[in-house]
């Protein structure tokens, strides 16, 4: 089965299938807008508060940058960024093709909120810790 698929995709010397046609569709849709067209397609229907919440959640990972959770979140953001450039190049002819980028951004944002909650809780505990209670008033 896999060999048959490999033969069909490479028989016409098109290893990547119809990527050229998809790239032409994306270029025809956005013209010479660079990354602004695909960016507008990605975030066009998403409410501004949701975009701000995603951005804040991702940035909150910087409160503890060396925790495993934050490093994993940074990897998710790197995958989303790389995926966005691929989306912008070949797949930005339709809005439905952009949804998978959010599959990386949403867990990264949740991770940031969880990391920041722990960071703020540690800061609050340190601020309320005034030392041992001696019982003298």
Protein backbone atom coordinates (compact mmCIF):
# COMPACT_ATOMS: atom_id res chain seq x y z
CA UNK A 1 0.00 0.00 0.00
CA UNK A 2 2.72 2.47 0.97
CA UNK A 3 4.76 1.55 -2.09
CA UNK A 4 1.77 2.18 -4.34
CA UNK A 5 1.31 5.65 -2.81
CA UNK A 6 5.01 6.40 -3.18
CA UNK A 7 4.91 5.29 -6.82
CA UNK A 8 1.85 7.43 -7.60
CA UNK A 9 3.30 10.54 -6.00
CA UNK A 10 6.71 10.20 -7.62
CA UNK A 11 5.65 8.83 -11.02
CA UNK A 12 5.03 12.32 -12.40
CA UNK A 13 8.18 13.68 -10.73
CA UNK A 14 5.96 15.56 -8.27
CA UNK A 15 7.13 14.43 -4.87
CA UNK A 16 5.05 17.09 -3.12
CA UNK A 17 1.89 16.55 -5.13
CA UNK A 18 0.10 19.73 -6.16
CA UNK A 19 2.06 22.12 -3.92
CA UNK A 20 2.86 24.33 -6.92
CA UNK A 21 -0.83 24.76 -7.73
CA UNK A 22 -1.66 25.50 -4.08
CA UNK A 23 1.10 28.11 -3.94
CA UNK A 24 -0.31 29.75 -7.05
CA UNK A 25 -3.78 29.81 -5.45
CA UNK A 26 -2.38 31.47 -2.32
CA UNK A 27 -0.48 34.05 -4.40
CA UNK A 28 -3.60 34.79 -6.44
CA UNK A 29 -5.64 35.35 -3.29
CA UNK A 30 -3.22 37.66 -1.47
CA UNK A 31 -1.12 39.12 -4.23
CA UNK A 32 1.94 40.99 -3.03
CA UNK A 33 0.87 41.57 0.59
CA UNK A 34 3.67 39.45 2.02
CA UNK A 35 2.71 37.99 5.39
CA UNK A 36 -0.09 40.48 6.10
CA UNK A 37 -2.65 38.65 3.94
CA UNK A 38 -2.12 35.25 5.58
CA UNK A 39 -1.92 36.92 9.02
CA UNK A 40 -5.26 38.61 8.40
CA UNK A 41 -6.68 35.30 7.20
CA UNK A 42 -5.40 33.58 10.36
CA UNK A 43 -6.68 36.12 12.88
CA UNK A 44 -9.38 37.84 10.81
CA UNK A 45 -12.42 36.24 12.44
CA UNK A 46 -10.89 35.77 15.88
CA UNK A 47 -12.06 38.44 18.35
CA UNK A 48 -9.32 40.85 19.46
CA UNK A 49 -9.66 39.91 23.17
CA UNK A 50 -9.03 36.26 22.25
CA UNK A 51 -5.91 37.22 20.28
CA UNK A 52 -4.71 39.33 23.21
CA UNK A 53 -5.38 36.45 25.62
CA UNK A 54 -3.40 34.05 23.42
CA UNK A 55 -0.50 36.48 23.19
CA UNK A 56 -0.55 37.16 26.93
CA UNK A 57 -0.64 33.45 27.72
CA UNK A 58 2.32 32.76 25.46
CA UNK A 59 4.29 35.67 26.91
CA UNK A 60 3.59 34.58 30.48
CA UNK A 61 5.83 31.59 29.83
CA UNK A 62 8.68 34.06 30.25
CA UNK A 63 7.97 34.20 34.00
CA UNK A 64 9.77 30.87 34.40
CA UNK A 65 11.68 30.33 31.15
CA UNK A 66 13.68 27.28 32.24
CA UNK A 67 10.84 25.13 33.56
CA UNK A 68 10.07 22.10 31.44
CA UNK A 69 6.55 23.35 30.93
CA UNK A 70 7.79 26.68 29.53
CA UNK A 71 10.37 25.02 27.32
CA UNK A 72 7.64 22.77 25.92
CA UNK A 73 5.52 25.85 25.35
CA UNK A 74 8.37 27.56 23.50
CA UNK A 75 8.65 24.50 21.27
CA UNK A 76 4.92 24.72 20.53
CA UNK A 77 5.29 28.39 19.62
CA UNK A 78 8.27 27.56 17.38
CA UNK A 79 6.16 24.90 15.63
CA UNK A 80 3.31 27.39 15.24
CA UNK A 81 5.66 30.01 13.79
CA UNK A 82 7.23 27.53 11.38
CA UNK A 83 3.79 26.25 10.45
CA UNK A 84 2.56 29.80 9.85
CA UNK A 85 5.30 30.41 7.29
CA UNK A 86 4.41 27.17 5.53
CA UNK A 87 0.73 28.15 5.69
CA UNK A 88 1.54 31.59 4.28
CA UNK A 89 3.50 30.08 1.40
CA UNK A 90 1.19 27.38 0.15
CA UNK A 91 -2.04 27.05 2.05
CA UNK A 92 -3.37 30.54 2.68
CA UNK A 93 -5.94 30.38 -0.09
CA UNK A 94 -8.67 29.33 2.38
CA UNK A 95 -9.37 30.15 6.02
CA UNK A 96 -9.95 26.52 7.02
CA UNK A 97 -6.28 25.76 6.38
CA UNK A 98 -5.20 28.08 9.20
CA UNK A 99 -7.04 26.40 12.05
CA UNK A 100 -4.28 23.92 12.86
CA UNK A 101 -1.89 26.76 13.82
CA UNK A 102 -4.15 27.39 16.82
CA UNK A 103 -3.63 23.76 17.87
CA UNK A 104 -0.11 24.83 18.87
CA UNK A 105 -0.90 28.30 20.21
CA UNK A 106 -3.75 27.41 22.56
CA UNK A 107 -1.82 24.82 24.64
CA UNK A 108 1.16 27.21 24.74
CA UNK A 109 -1.10 29.94 26.14
CA UNK A 110 -2.63 27.61 28.74
CA UNK A 111 0.85 26.57 29.76
CA UNK A 112 1.77 30.22 30.21
CA UNK A 113 -1.21 30.89 32.45
CA UNK A 114 -0.42 27.84 34.56
CA UNK A 115 3.25 28.80 34.84
CA UNK A 116 2.41 32.39 35.75
CA UNK A 117 -0.09 31.26 38.38
CA UNK A 118 2.68 29.35 40.13
CA UNK A 119 5.08 32.28 39.72
CA UNK A 120 2.63 34.78 41.20
CA UNK A 121 1.75 32.39 44.03
CA UNK A 122 5.44 32.03 44.96
CA UNK A 123 5.83 35.80 44.90
CA UNK A 124 2.80 36.28 47.14
CA UNK A 125 4.11 33.69 49.61
CA UNK A 126 7.51 35.37 49.72
CA UNK A 127 5.93 38.79 50.29
CA UNK A 128 3.74 37.53 53.14
CA UNK A 129 6.62 35.69 54.82
CA UNK A 130 7.89 38.17 57.40
CA UNK A 131 9.98 35.70 59.27
CA UNK A 132 9.36 33.47 62.27
CA UNK A 133 6.66 34.49 64.69
CA UNK A 134 8.31 35.22 68.05
CA UNK A 135 5.07 35.90 69.87
CA UNK A 136 6.23 39.36 71.01
CA UNK A 137 3.96 42.21 70.18
